C-alpha atoms as a PDB file:
ATOM      1  CA  UNK A   1     105.715 117.746 105.039  1.00  0.00           C
ATOM      2  CA  UNK A   2     109.399 116.196 105.255  1.00  0.00           C
ATOM      3  CA  UNK A   3     111.238 116.335 101.923  1.00  0.00           C
ATOM      4  CA  UNK A   4     112.459 113.051 100.825  1.00  0.00           C
ATOM      5  CA  UNK A   5     116.636 112.918 100.662  1.00  0.00           C
ATOM      6  CA  UNK A   6     117.036 113.277  96.929  1.00  0.00           C
ATOM      7  CA  UNK A   7     119.419 115.217  95.188  1.00  0.00           C
ATOM      8  CA  UNK A   8     117.571 118.043  93.582  1.00  0.00           C
ATOM      9  CA  UNK A   9     116.146 117.281  90.032  1.00  0.00           C
ATOM     10  CA  UNK A  10     114.543 119.817  87.679  1.00  0.00           C
ATOM     11  CA  UNK A  11     111.708 118.280  86.266  1.00  0.00           C
ATOM     12  CA  UNK A  12     110.184 116.224  89.847  1.00  0.00           C
ATOM     13  CA  UNK A  13     109.970 117.323  93.544  1.00  0.00           C
ATOM     14  CA  UNK A  14     109.463 114.459  95.803  1.00  0.00           C
ATOM     15  CA  UNK A  15     107.726 114.815  99.277  1.00  0.00           C
ATOM     16  CA  UNK A  16     105.375 113.565 101.778  1.00  0.00           C
ATOM     17  CA  UNK A  17     102.168 114.741 102.776  1.00  0.00           C
ATOM     18  CA  UNK A  18      99.407 113.048 104.954  1.00  0.00           C
ATOM     19  CA  UNK A  19     100.586 109.778 104.593  1.00  0.00           C
ATOM     20  CA  UNK A  20     101.373 109.823 100.859  1.00  0.00           C
ATOM     21  CA  UNK A  21     104.364 110.201  98.985  1.00  0.00           C
ATOM     22  CA  UNK A  22     103.977 113.303  96.280  1.00  0.00           C
ATOM     23  CA  UNK A  23     106.022 113.073  93.198  1.00  0.00           C
ATOM     24  CA  UNK A  24     105.562 116.777  91.791  1.00  0.00           C
ATOM     25  CA  UNK A  25     105.987 116.907  87.757  1.00  0.00           C
ATOM     26  CA  UNK A  26     107.171 120.020  86.398  1.00  0.00           C
ATOM     27  CA  UNK A  27     108.138 122.006  83.035  1.00  0.00           C
ATOM     28  CA  UNK A  28     108.081 120.206  80.181  1.00  0.00           C
ATOM     29  CA  UNK A  29     107.524 116.158  80.719  1.00  0.00           C
ATOM     30  CA  UNK A  30     109.239 114.630  77.561  1.00  0.00           C
ATOM     31  CA  UNK A  31     111.812 111.868  76.863  1.00  0.00           C
ATOM     32  CA  UNK A  32     115.440 113.991  78.568  1.00  0.00           C
ATOM     33  CA  UNK A  33     112.687 114.951  81.662  1.00  0.00           C
ATOM     34  CA  UNK A  34     111.345 111.324  81.858  1.00  0.00           C
ATOM     35  CA  UNK A  35     114.676 109.626  82.053  1.00  0.00           C
ATOM     36  CA  UNK A  36     115.338 111.898  84.953  1.00  0.00           C
ATOM     37  CA  UNK A  37     112.158 111.065  86.634  1.00  0.00           C
ATOM     38  CA  UNK A  38     112.290 107.072  86.377  1.00  0.00           C
ATOM     39  CA  UNK A  39     114.568 106.533  89.623  1.00  0.00           C
ATOM     40  CA  UNK A  40     112.548 108.718  91.764  1.00  0.00           C
ATOM     41  CA  UNK A  41     109.176 107.030  89.929  1.00  0.00           C
ATOM     42  CA  UNK A  42     110.769 103.381  90.455  1.00  0.00           C
ATOM     43  CA  UNK A  43     112.083 104.040  94.241  1.00  0.00           C
ATOM     44  CA  UNK A  44     108.513 104.873  95.179  1.00  0.00           C
ATOM     45  CA  UNK A  45     106.628 102.743  93.265  1.00  0.00           C
ATOM     46  CA  UNK A  46     108.695  99.654  94.355  1.00  0.00           C
ATOM     47  CA  UNK A  47     107.709  99.672  97.619  1.00  0.00           C
ATOM     48  CA  UNK A  48     104.984  97.519  99.036  1.00  0.00           C
ATOM     49  CA  UNK A  49     101.501  98.910  99.574  1.00  0.00           C
ATOM     50  CA  UNK A  50     102.964 102.967  98.873  1.00  0.00           C
ATOM     51  CA  UNK A  51     100.539 105.520  98.697  1.00  0.00           C
ATOM     52  CA  UNK A  52     101.443 107.695  95.786  1.00  0.00           C
ATOM     53  CA  UNK A  53     100.302 111.029  94.203  1.00  0.00           C
ATOM     54  CA  UNK A  54     101.562 112.023  91.291  1.00  0.00           C
ATOM     55  CA  UNK A  55     100.922 116.202  90.660  1.00  0.00           C
ATOM     56  CA  UNK A  56     101.009 117.091  86.990  1.00  0.00           C
ATOM     57  CA  UNK A  57      99.720 120.939  88.018  1.00  0.00           C
ATOM     58  CA  UNK A  58     103.667 122.121  87.604  1.00  0.00           C
ATOM     59  CA  UNK A  59     103.758 120.475  84.070  1.00  0.00           C
ATOM     60  CA  UNK A  60     103.750 122.825  80.930  1.00  0.00           C
ATOM     61  CA  UNK A  61     104.134 120.090  78.241  1.00  0.00           C
ATOM     62  CA  UNK A  62     102.935 116.534  78.261  1.00  0.00           C
ATOM     63  CA  UNK A  63     104.215 114.052  75.725  1.00  0.00           C
ATOM     64  CA  UNK A  64     103.974 110.226  75.264  1.00  0.00           C
ATOM     65  CA  UNK A  65     107.011 110.147  77.526  1.00  0.00           C
ATOM     66  CA  UNK A  66     104.845 110.939  80.457  1.00  0.00           C
ATOM     67  CA  UNK A  67     102.061 108.872  79.441  1.00  0.00           C
ATOM     68  CA  UNK A  68     104.407 105.791  79.572  1.00  0.00           C
ATOM     69  CA  UNK A  69     105.653 107.582  83.376  1.00  0.00           C
ATOM     70  CA  UNK A  70     102.184 107.194  84.553  1.00  0.00           C
ATOM     71  CA  UNK A  71     101.166 103.957  82.770  1.00  0.00           C
ATOM     72  CA  UNK A  72     104.806 102.914  84.002  1.00  0.00           C
ATOM     73  CA  UNK A  73     103.799 103.972  87.862  1.00  0.00           C
ATOM     74  CA  UNK A  74     100.399 102.281  87.406  1.00  0.00           C
ATOM     75  CA  UNK A  75     101.631  99.088  86.575  1.00  0.00           C
ATOM     76  CA  UNK A  76     104.164  98.956  89.620  1.00  0.00           C
ATOM     77  CA  UNK A  77     101.479  99.979  92.113  1.00  0.00           C
ATOM     78  CA  UNK A  78      99.315  97.161  90.952  1.00  0.00           C
ATOM     79  CA  UNK A  79     101.898  94.623  91.091  1.00  0.00           C
ATOM     80  CA  UNK A  80     102.957  95.975  94.713  1.00  0.00           C
ATOM     81  CA  UNK A  81      99.458  96.816  96.362  1.00  0.00           C
ATOM     82  CA  UNK A  82      99.640 100.193  96.297  1.00  0.00           C
ATOM     83  CA  UNK A  83      97.149 103.198  95.712  1.00  0.00           C
ATOM     84  CA  UNK A  84      97.859 105.887  93.101  1.00  0.00           C
ATOM     85  CA  UNK A  85      95.976 109.235  92.794  1.00  0.00           C
ATOM     86  CA  UNK A  86      96.634 111.856  89.933  1.00  0.00           C
ATOM     87  CA  UNK A  87      96.410 115.630  90.182  1.00  0.00           C
ATOM     88  CA  UNK A  88      96.037 117.392  86.765  1.00  0.00           C
ATOM     89  CA  UNK A  89      94.170 120.716  85.726  1.00  0.00           C
ATOM     90  CA  UNK A  90      95.785 121.509  82.290  1.00  0.00           C
ATOM     91  CA  UNK A  91      93.473 121.184  79.609  1.00  0.00           C
ATOM     92  CA  UNK A  92      96.007 119.988  76.705  1.00  0.00           C
ATOM     93  CA  UNK A  93      97.425 117.539  79.488  1.00  0.00           C
ATOM     94  CA  UNK A  94      93.979 116.715  80.452  1.00  0.00           C
ATOM     95  CA  UNK A  95      93.104 116.127  76.793  1.00  0.00           C
ATOM     96  CA  UNK A  96      95.714 113.724  76.258  1.00  0.00           C
ATOM     97  CA  UNK A  97      94.407 111.599  79.176  1.00  0.00           C
ATOM     98  CA  UNK A  98      90.895 111.168  77.694  1.00  0.00           C
ATOM     99  CA  UNK A  99      91.881 110.587  74.420  1.00  0.00           C
ATOM    100  CA  UNK A 100      94.297 107.758  75.793  1.00  0.00           C
ATOM    101  CA  UNK A 101      91.922 106.389  78.014  1.00  0.00           C
ATOM    102  CA  UNK A 102      94.319 107.112  80.960  1.00  0.00           C
ATOM    103  CA  UNK A 103      91.959 109.004  82.575  1.00  0.00           C
ATOM    104  CA  UNK A 104      89.261 106.560  83.139  1.00  0.00           C
ATOM    105  CA  UNK A 105      92.001 104.307  85.215  1.00  0.00           C
ATOM    106  CA  UNK A 106      93.773 107.461  87.242  1.00  0.00           C
ATOM    107  CA  UNK A 107      90.786 110.049  87.192  1.00  0.00           C
ATOM    108  CA  UNK A 108      92.611 113.485  87.633  1.00  0.00           C
ATOM    109  CA  UNK A 109      91.880 115.457  90.638  1.00  0.00           C
ATOM    110  CA  UNK A 110      91.682 119.389  90.571  1.00  0.00           C
ATOM    111  CA  UNK A 111      94.306 120.027  93.103  1.00  0.00           C
ATOM    112  CA  UNK A 112      96.813 117.914  95.449  1.00  0.00           C
ATOM    113  CA  UNK A 113      94.073 118.460  98.819  1.00  0.00           C
ATOM    114  CA  UNK A 114      91.125 117.256  97.024  1.00  0.00           C
ATOM    115  CA  UNK A 115      93.550 114.129  96.140  1.00  0.00           C
ATOM    116  CA  UNK A 116      94.757 113.155  99.602  1.00  0.00           C
ATOM    117  CA  UNK A 117      90.876 113.512 100.867  1.00  0.00           C
ATOM    118  CA  UNK A 118      89.966 111.346  98.709  1.00  0.00           C
ATOM    119  CA  UNK A 119      89.158 107.675 100.806  1.00  0.00           C
ATOM    120  CA  UNK A 120      90.980 104.740 100.210  1.00  0.00           C
ATOM    121  CA  UNK A 121      88.027 103.079  98.412  1.00  0.00           C
ATOM    122  CA  UNK A 122      87.417 105.523  96.038  1.00  0.00           C
ATOM    123  CA  UNK A 123      91.016 106.090  94.528  1.00  0.00           C
ATOM    124  CA  UNK A 124      90.994 105.742  91.150  1.00  0.00           C
ATOM    125  CA  UNK A 125      94.162 103.949  91.476  1.00  0.00           C
ATOM    126  CA  UNK A 126      94.886 100.402  92.361  1.00  0.00           C
END
């Protein structure tokens, strides 16, 4: 795994794994965290045919700001022909994803390994 040369951030860590860029979100994903994460998210999702995994396994709190980040990532990946996968196991976050219907667009995987082992055609993404 190779670390992206980005400055350290409190709520996001970016690294490469098996041909995918992984954005690991950490802590409480609220409006303040979202403002920190957006530049990282936009840099990755702006690349043509990018392969991205958003890993929410380190998230303790996830509000509508987090949902906007996921919708933004999905929209940008659709525009650029990319692949987006989601990792999430936190019961409350999973509930928010289900209630909003986002879990149908980005089916959450239980682990990073499970997401990275998904065949291209089976990705819940774009």
